[in-house]
Amino acid sequence: MEATARSGLRPTYTPTVMPTRCRLNMAELPSYDRARAFRLLVALFAIADTRRRERYCVGGCSHEWHQLAACGDAGPAPT
């Protein structure tokens, strides 16, 4: 699984095995496995976003989240 490799987790860790065998229920995981599951999900979403950009946004798009670097907006002004 590409997300497992990108996350740096071992393929034998519970969060990497659970999605292939059953539903991933975060409430059932101990805290150290929740952190691992989070890393796995972030890697999975990064892969999905990359694929979406390559397929649908290659010639430019109007998605606000793909334009953040272009607009130079670093977020809300400090208070």
PDB file of N, CA and C in Angstrom:
ATOM      1  N   MET A   1       0.852  -1.181   0.000  1.00  0.00           N
ATOM      2  CA  MET A   1       0.000   0.000   0.000  1.00  0.00           C
ATOM      3  C   MET A   1       0.893   1.238   0.000  1.00  0.00           C
ATOM      4  N   GLU A   2       0.661   2.101  -0.928  1.00  0.00           N
ATOM      5  CA  GLU A   2       1.494   3.290  -1.093  1.00  0.00           C
ATOM      6  C   GLU A   2       1.449   4.195   0.136  1.00  0.00           C
ATOM      7  N   ALA A   3       0.286   4.310   0.752  1.00  0.00           N
ATOM      8  CA  ALA A   3       0.161   5.171   1.935  1.00  0.00           C
ATOM      9  C   ALA A   3       1.000   4.647   3.091  1.00  0.00           C
ATOM     10  N   THR A   4       1.088   3.346   3.242  1.00  0.00           N
ATOM     11  CA  THR A   4       1.908   2.762   4.308  1.00  0.00           C
ATOM     12  C   THR A   4       3.367   3.128   4.093  1.00  0.00           C
ATOM     13  N   ALA A   5       3.834   2.991   2.873  1.00  0.00           N
ATOM     14  CA  ALA A   5       5.226   3.326   2.579  1.00  0.00           C
ATOM     15  C   ALA A   5       5.495   4.809   2.818  1.00  0.00           C
ATOM     16  N   ARG A   6       4.586   5.663   2.387  1.00  0.00           N
ATOM     17  CA  ARG A   6       4.776   7.106   2.540  1.00  0.00           C
ATOM     18  C   ARG A   6       4.708   7.543   3.995  1.00  0.00           C
ATOM     19  N   SER A   7       3.879   6.863   4.783  1.00  0.00           N
ATOM     20  CA  SER A   7       3.729   7.245   6.190  1.00  0.00           C
ATOM     21  C   SER A   7       4.921   6.840   7.039  1.00  0.00           C
ATOM     22  N   GLY A   8       5.727   5.899   6.535  1.00  0.00           N
ATOM     23  CA  GLY A   8       6.881   5.439   7.296  1.00  0.00           C
ATOM     24  C   GLY A   8       6.524   4.391   8.344  1.00  0.00           C
ATOM     25  N   LEU A   9       5.290   3.914   8.309  1.00  0.00           N
ATOM     26  CA  LEU A   9       4.862   2.903   9.274  1.00  0.00           C
ATOM     27  C   LEU A   9       5.165   1.508   8.740  1.00  0.00           C
ATOM     28  N   ARG A  10       5.332   0.573   9.646  1.00  0.00           N
ATOM     29  CA  ARG A  10       5.530  -0.816   9.244  1.00  0.00           C
ATOM     30  C   ARG A  10       4.200  -1.401   8.789  1.00  0.00           C
ATOM     31  N   PRO A  11       4.226  -2.255   7.799  1.00  0.00           N
ATOM     32  CA  PRO A  11       2.985  -2.869   7.309  1.00  0.00           C
ATOM     33  C   PRO A  11       2.297  -3.750   8.342  1.00  0.00           C
ATOM     34  N   THR A  12       3.007  -4.092   9.412  1.00  0.00           N
ATOM     35  CA  THR A  12       2.430  -4.958  10.442  1.00  0.00           C
ATOM     36  C   THR A  12       1.777  -4.192  11.582  1.00  0.00           C
ATOM     37  N   TYR A  13       1.904  -2.879  11.609  1.00  0.00           N
ATOM     38  CA  TYR A  13       1.260  -2.088  12.665  1.00  0.00           C
ATOM     39  C   TYR A  13      -0.254  -2.184  12.534  1.00  0.00           C
ATOM     40  N   THR A  14      -0.929  -2.177  13.656  1.00  0.00           N
ATOM     41  CA  THR A  14      -2.382  -2.321  13.682  1.00  0.00           C
ATOM     42  C   THR A  14      -3.104  -1.345  12.747  1.00  0.00           C
ATOM     43  N   PRO A  15      -2.783  -0.048  12.745  1.00  0.00           N
ATOM     44  CA  PRO A  15      -3.519   0.869  11.862  1.00  0.00           C
ATOM     45  C   PRO A  15      -3.336   0.568  10.379  1.00  0.00           C
ATOM     46  N   THR A  16      -2.238  -0.082  10.002  1.00  0.00           N
ATOM     47  CA  THR A  16      -2.041  -0.397   8.592  1.00  0.00           C
ATOM     48  C   THR A  16      -2.722  -1.705   8.207  1.00  0.00           C
ATOM     49  N   VAL A  17      -2.961  -2.564   9.173  1.00  0.00           N
ATOM     50  CA  VAL A  17      -3.617  -3.846   8.903  1.00  0.00           C
ATOM     51  C   VAL A  17      -5.141  -3.710   8.975  1.00  0.00           C
ATOM     52  N   MET A  18      -5.642  -2.929   9.906  1.00  0.00           N
ATOM     53  CA  MET A  18      -7.089  -2.836  10.135  1.00  0.00           C
ATOM     54  C   MET A  18      -7.898  -2.434   8.897  1.00  0.00           C
ATOM     55  N   PRO A  19      -7.483  -1.446   8.121  1.00  0.00           N
ATOM     56  CA  PRO A  19      -8.313  -1.070   6.962  1.00  0.00           C
ATOM     57  C   PRO A  19      -8.443  -2.187   5.919  1.00  0.00           C
ATOM     58  N   THR A  20      -7.492  -3.088   5.879  1.00  0.00           N
ATOM     59  CA  THR A  20      -7.572  -4.178   4.907  1.00  0.00           C
ATOM     60  C   THR A  20      -8.407  -5.345   5.412  1.00  0.00           C
ATOM     61  N   ARG A  21      -8.617  -5.417   6.699  1.00  0.00           N
ATOM     62  CA  ARG A  21      -9.337  -6.549   7.279  1.00  0.00           C
ATOM     63  C   ARG A  21     -10.717  -6.182   7.824  1.00  0.00           C
ATOM     64  N   CYS A  22     -10.868  -4.979   8.288  1.00  0.00           N
ATOM     65  CA  CYS A  22     -12.132  -4.543   8.887  1.00  0.00           C
ATOM     66  C   CYS A  22     -12.167  -3.018   8.879  1.00  0.00           C
ATOM     67  N   ARG A  23     -13.167  -2.471   9.495  1.00  0.00           N
ATOM     68  CA  ARG A  23     -13.254  -1.005   9.585  1.00  0.00           C
ATOM     69  C   ARG A  23     -12.239  -0.476  10.582  1.00  0.00           C
ATOM     70  N   LEU A  24     -11.726   0.694  10.303  1.00  0.00           N
ATOM     71  CA  LEU A  24     -10.781   1.346  11.208  1.00  0.00           C
ATOM     72  C   LEU A  24     -11.579   2.184  12.199  1.00  0.00           C
ATOM     73  N   ASN A  25     -11.701   1.698  13.409  1.00  0.00           N
ATOM     74  CA  ASN A  25     -12.430   2.408  14.451  1.00  0.00           C
ATOM     75  C   ASN A  25     -11.408   3.016  15.396  1.00  0.00           C
ATOM     76  N   MET A  26     -11.220   4.315  15.282  1.00  0.00           N
ATOM     77  CA  MET A  26     -10.202   5.001  16.074  1.00  0.00           C
ATOM     78  C   MET A  26     -10.434   4.868  17.572  1.00  0.00           C
ATOM     79  N   ALA A  27     -11.683   4.765  17.997  1.00  0.00           N
ATOM     80  CA  ALA A  27     -11.983   4.684  19.427  1.00  0.00           C
ATOM     81  C   ALA A  27     -11.453   3.396  20.045  1.00  0.00           C
ATOM     82  N   GLU A  28     -11.297   2.352  19.241  1.00  0.00           N
ATOM     83  CA  GLU A  28     -10.813   1.075  19.758  1.00  0.00           C
ATOM     84  C   GLU A  28      -9.299   1.016  19.870  1.00  0.00           C
ATOM     85  N   LEU A  29      -8.605   1.965  19.281  1.00  0.00           N
ATOM     86  CA  LEU A  29      -7.146   1.928  19.268  1.00  0.00           C
ATOM     87  C   LEU A  29      -6.555   2.583  20.507  1.00  0.00           C
ATOM     88  N   PRO A  30      -5.447   2.040  21.022  1.00  0.00           N
ATOM     89  CA  PRO A  30      -4.723   2.740  22.085  1.00  0.00           C
ATOM     90  C   PRO A  30      -4.116   4.025  21.529  1.00  0.00           C
ATOM     91  N   SER A  31      -3.714   4.928  22.393  1.00  0.00           N
ATOM     92  CA  SER A  31      -3.264   6.253  21.954  1.00  0.00           C
ATOM     93  C   SER A  31      -2.087   6.192  20.986  1.00  0.00           C
ATOM     94  N   TYR A  32      -1.129   5.289  21.208  1.00  0.00           N
ATOM     95  CA  TYR A  32       0.015   5.231  20.302  1.00  0.00           C
ATOM     96  C   TYR A  32      -0.406   4.758  18.908  1.00  0.00           C
ATOM     97  N   ASP A  33      -1.433   3.927  18.818  1.00  0.00           N
ATOM     98  CA  ASP A  33      -1.918   3.504  17.511  1.00  0.00           C
ATOM     99  C   ASP A  33      -2.784   4.570  16.860  1.00  0.00           C
ATOM    100  N   ARG A  34      -3.420   5.430  17.634  1.00  0.00           N
ATOM    101  CA  ARG A  34      -4.188   6.534  17.051  1.00  0.00           C
ATOM    102  C   ARG A  34      -3.256   7.490  16.316  1.00  0.00           C
ATOM    103  N   ALA A  35      -2.113   7.751  16.907  1.00  0.00           N
ATOM    104  CA  ALA A  35      -1.129   8.619  16.249  1.00  0.00           C
ATOM    105  C   ALA A  35      -0.639   7.975  14.953  1.00  0.00           C
ATOM    106  N   ARG A  36      -0.425   6.677  14.974  1.00  0.00           N
ATOM    107  CA  ARG A  36      -0.012   5.969  13.765  1.00  0.00           C
ATOM    108  C   ARG A  36      -1.113   6.002  12.712  1.00  0.00           C
ATOM    109  N   ALA A  37      -2.349   5.799  13.140  1.00  0.00           N
ATOM    110  CA  ALA A  37      -3.480   5.838  12.203  1.00  0.00           C
ATOM    111  C   ALA A  37      -3.593   7.229  11.579  1.00  0.00           C
ATOM    112  N   PHE A  38      -3.358   8.264  12.365  1.00  0.00           N
ATOM    113  CA  PHE A  38      -3.398   9.632  11.842  1.00  0.00           C
ATOM    114  C   PHE A  38      -2.334   9.821  10.769  1.00  0.00           C
ATOM    115  N   ARG A  39      -1.108   9.341  11.037  1.00  0.00           N
ATOM    116  CA  ARG A  39      -0.032   9.440  10.046  1.00  0.00           C
ATOM    117  C   ARG A  39      -0.400   8.722   8.758  1.00  0.00           C
ATOM    118  N   LEU A  40      -1.026   7.554   8.898  1.00  0.00           N
ATOM    119  CA  LEU A  40      -1.435   6.781   7.730  1.00  0.00           C
ATOM    120  C   LEU A  40      -2.503   7.528   6.932  1.00  0.00           C
ATOM    121  N   LEU A  41      -3.474   8.103   7.610  1.00  0.00           N
ATOM    122  CA  LEU A  41      -4.550   8.829   6.921  1.00  0.00           C
ATOM    123  C   LEU A  41      -4.034  10.087   6.239  1.00  0.00           C
ATOM    124  N   VAL A  42      -3.107  10.788   6.868  1.00  0.00           N
ATOM    125  CA  VAL A  42      -2.518  11.976   6.236  1.00  0.00           C
ATOM    126  C   VAL A  42      -1.785  11.566   4.965  1.00  0.00           C
ATOM    127  N   ALA A  43      -1.039  10.470   5.014  1.00  0.00           N
ATOM    128  CA  ALA A  43      -0.338   9.983   3.825  1.00  0.00           C
ATOM    129  C   ALA A  43      -1.333   9.591   2.744  1.00  0.00           C
ATOM    130  N   LEU A  44      -2.411   8.926   3.135  1.00  0.00           N
ATOM    131  CA  LEU A  44      -3.432   8.513   2.177  1.00  0.00           C
ATOM    132  C   LEU A  44      -4.090   9.722   1.509  1.00  0.00           C
ATOM    133  N   PHE A  45      -4.430  10.745   2.290  1.00  0.00           N
ATOM    134  CA  PHE A  45      -5.037  11.949   1.728  1.00  0.00           C
ATOM    135  C   PHE A  45      -4.060  12.701   0.825  1.00  0.00           C
ATOM    136  N   ALA A  46      -2.771  12.695   1.166  1.00  0.00           N
ATOM    137  CA  ALA A  46      -1.770  13.341   0.315  1.00  0.00           C
ATOM    138  C   ALA A  46      -1.690  12.651  -1.042  1.00  0.00           C
ATOM    139  N   ILE A  47      -1.745  11.332  -1.039  1.00  0.00           N
ATOM    140  CA  ILE A  47      -1.718  10.575  -2.293  1.00  0.00           C
ATOM    141  C   ILE A  47      -2.964  10.888  -3.112  1.00  0.00           C
ATOM    142  N   ALA A  48      -4.116  10.889  -2.454  1.00  0.00           N
ATOM    143  CA  ALA A  48      -5.370  11.177  -3.156  1.00  0.00           C
ATOM    144  C   ALA A  48      -5.362  12.584  -3.748  1.00  0.00           C
ATOM    145  N   ASP A  49      -4.853  13.567  -2.998  1.00  0.00           N
ATOM    146  CA  ASP A  49      -4.804  14.934  -3.514  1.00  0.00           C
ATOM    147  C   ASP A  49      -3.846  15.045  -4.689  1.00  0.00           C
ATOM    148  N   THR A  50      -2.703  14.385  -4.611  1.00  0.00           N
ATOM    149  CA  THR A  50      -1.745  14.399  -5.708  1.00  0.00           C
ATOM    150  C   THR A  50      -2.362  13.816  -6.971  1.00  0.00           C
ATOM    151  N   ARG A  51      -3.046  12.675  -6.818  1.00  0.00           N
ATOM    152  CA  ARG A  51      -3.688  12.051  -7.978  1.00  0.00           C
ATOM    153  C   ARG A  51      -4.786  12.938  -8.555  1.00  0.00           C
ATOM    154  N   ARG A  52      -5.536  13.582  -7.677  1.00  0.00           N
ATOM    155  CA  ARG A  52      -6.599  14.470  -8.157  1.00  0.00           C
ATOM    156  C   ARG A  52      -6.011  15.648  -8.928  1.00  0.00           C
ATOM    157  N   ARG A  53      -4.948  16.231  -8.396  1.00  0.00           N
ATOM    158  CA  ARG A  53      -4.298  17.343  -9.093  1.00  0.00           C
ATOM    159  C   ARG A  53      -3.767  16.910 -10.448  1.00  0.00           C
ATOM    160  N   GLU A  54      -3.164  15.717 -10.508  1.00  0.00           N
ATOM    161  CA  GLU A  54      -2.616  15.219 -11.778  1.00  0.00           C
ATOM    162  C   GLU A  54      -3.715  14.941 -12.795  1.00  0.00           C
ATOM    163  N   ARG A  55      -4.858  14.497 -12.347  1.00  0.00           N
ATOM    164  CA  ARG A  55      -5.925  14.115 -13.263  1.00  0.00           C
ATOM    165  C   ARG A  55      -6.831  15.277 -13.628  1.00  0.00           C
ATOM    166  N   TYR A  56      -7.265  16.063 -12.641  1.00  0.00           N
ATOM    167  CA  TYR A  56      -8.297  17.069 -12.888  1.00  0.00           C
ATOM    168  C   TYR A  56      -7.788  18.504 -12.892  1.00  0.00           C
ATOM    169  N   CYS A  57      -6.640  18.761 -12.332  1.00  0.00           N
ATOM    170  CA  CYS A  57      -6.188  20.146 -12.172  1.00  0.00           C
ATOM    171  C   CYS A  57      -4.905  20.437 -12.931  1.00  0.00           C
ATOM    172  N   VAL A  58      -4.572  19.601 -13.878  1.00  0.00           N
ATOM    173  CA  VAL A  58      -3.313  19.737 -14.589  1.00  0.00           C
ATOM    174  C   VAL A  58      -3.212  21.032 -15.393  1.00  0.00           C
ATOM    175  N   GLY A  59      -4.292  21.456 -15.993  1.00  0.00           N
ATOM    176  CA  GLY A  59      -4.268  22.669 -16.806  1.00  0.00           C
ATOM    177  C   GLY A  59      -4.662  23.919 -16.035  1.00  0.00           C
ATOM    178  N   GLY A  60      -4.668  23.831 -14.728  1.00  0.00           N
ATOM    179  CA  GLY A  60      -5.114  24.932 -13.895  1.00  0.00           C
ATOM    180  C   GLY A  60      -6.521  24.663 -13.391  1.00  0.00           C
ATOM    181  N   CYS A  61      -6.847  25.213 -12.274  1.00  0.00           N
ATOM    182  CA  CYS A  61      -8.174  24.996 -11.705  1.00  0.00           C
ATOM    183  C   CYS A  61      -8.552  26.204 -10.858  1.00  0.00           C
ATOM    184  N   SER A  62      -9.748  26.179 -10.352  1.00  0.00           N
ATOM    185  CA  SER A  62     -10.216  27.289  -9.526  1.00  0.00           C
ATOM    186  C   SER A  62     -10.427  26.877  -8.072  1.00  0.00           C
ATOM    187  N   HIS A  63      -9.907  25.713  -7.687  1.00  0.00           N
ATOM    188  CA  HIS A  63     -10.031  25.300  -6.288  1.00  0.00           C
ATOM    189  C   HIS A  63      -9.231  26.253  -5.406  1.00  0.00           C
ATOM    190  N   GLU A  64      -9.876  26.835  -4.425  1.00  0.00           N
ATOM    191  CA  GLU A  64      -9.205  27.798  -3.547  1.00  0.00           C
ATOM    192  C   GLU A  64      -7.979  27.199  -2.877  1.00  0.00           C
ATOM    193  N   TRP A  65      -8.073  25.926  -2.454  1.00  0.00           N
ATOM    194  CA  TRP A  65      -6.975  25.297  -1.721  1.00  0.00           C
ATOM    195  C   TRP A  65      -5.779  25.008  -2.612  1.00  0.00           C
ATOM    196  N   HIS A  66      -5.944  25.053  -3.936  1.00  0.00           N
ATOM    197  CA  HIS A  66      -4.810  24.880  -4.833  1.00  0.00           C
ATOM    198  C   HIS A  66      -4.180  26.228  -5.198  1.00  0.00           C
ATOM    199  N   GLN A  67      -4.802  27.302  -4.798  1.00  0.00           N
ATOM    200  CA  GLN A  67      -4.324  28.635  -5.143  1.00  0.00           C
ATOM    201  C   GLN A  67      -3.681  29.349  -3.963  1.00  0.00           C
ATOM    202  N   LEU A  68      -3.511  28.690  -2.840  1.00  0.00           N
ATOM    203  CA  LEU A  68      -3.001  29.351  -1.634  1.00  0.00           C
ATOM    204  C   LEU A  68      -1.616  29.946  -1.845  1.00  0.00           C
ATOM    205  N   ALA A  69      -0.724  29.236  -2.493  1.00  0.00           N
ATOM    206  CA  ALA A  69       0.630  29.736  -2.709  1.00  0.00           C
ATOM    207  C   ALA A  69       0.630  30.919  -3.675  1.00  0.00           C
ATOM    208  N   ALA A  70      -0.262  30.911  -4.637  1.00  0.00           N
ATOM    209  CA  ALA A  70      -0.297  31.967  -5.648  1.00  0.00           C
ATOM    210  C   ALA A  70      -0.792  33.296  -5.064  1.00  0.00           C
ATOM    211  N   CYS A  71      -1.706  33.229  -4.105  1.00  0.00           N
ATOM    212  CA  CYS A  71      -2.269  34.467  -3.590  1.00  0.00           C
ATOM    213  C   CYS A  71      -1.391  35.099  -2.497  1.00  0.00           C
ATOM    214  N   GLY A  72      -0.400  34.359  -2.003  1.00  0.00           N
ATOM    215  CA  GLY A  72       0.504  34.911  -1.015  1.00  0.00           C
ATOM    216  C   GLY A  72      -0.119  35.104   0.344  1.00  0.00           C
ATOM    217  N   ASP A  73      -1.276  34.561   0.561  1.00  0.00           N
ATOM    218  CA  ASP A  73      -1.959  34.690   1.844  1.00  0.00           C
ATOM    219  C   ASP A  73      -1.349  33.707   2.830  1.00  0.00           C
ATOM    220  N   ALA A  74      -0.736  34.232   3.862  1.00  0.00           N
ATOM    221  CA  ALA A  74      -0.100  33.377   4.866  1.00  0.00           C
ATOM    222  C   ALA A  74      -1.054  33.067   6.017  1.00  0.00           C
ATOM    223  N   GLY A  75      -2.304  33.399   5.855  1.00  0.00           N
ATOM    224  CA  GLY A  75      -3.262  33.139   6.921  1.00  0.00           C
ATOM    225  C   GLY A  75      -3.734  34.420   7.545  1.00  0.00           C
ATOM    226  N   PRO A  76      -4.434  34.320   8.670  1.00  0.00           N
ATOM    227  CA  PRO A  76      -4.946  35.515   9.323  1.00  0.00           C
ATOM    228  C   PRO A  76      -3.817  36.396   9.860  1.00  0.00           C
ATOM    229  N   ALA A  77      -4.100  37.676   9.885  1.00  0.00           N
ATOM    230  CA  ALA A  77      -3.115  38.634  10.409  1.00  0.00           C
ATOM    231  C   ALA A  77      -2.923  38.413  11.902  1.00  0.00           C
ATOM    232  N   PRO A  78      -1.684  38.523  12.362  1.00  0.00           N
ATOM    233  CA  PRO A  78      -1.426  38.352  13.806  1.00  0.00           C
ATOM    234  C   PRO A  78      -2.100  39.454  14.598  1.00  0.00           C
ATOM    235  N   THR A  79      -2.507  39.094  15.786  1.00  0.00           N
ATOM    236  CA  THR A  79      -3.166  40.092  16.665  1.00  0.00           C
ATOM    237  C   THR A  79      -2.282  40.513  17.776  1.00  0.00           C
TER     238      THR A  79
END
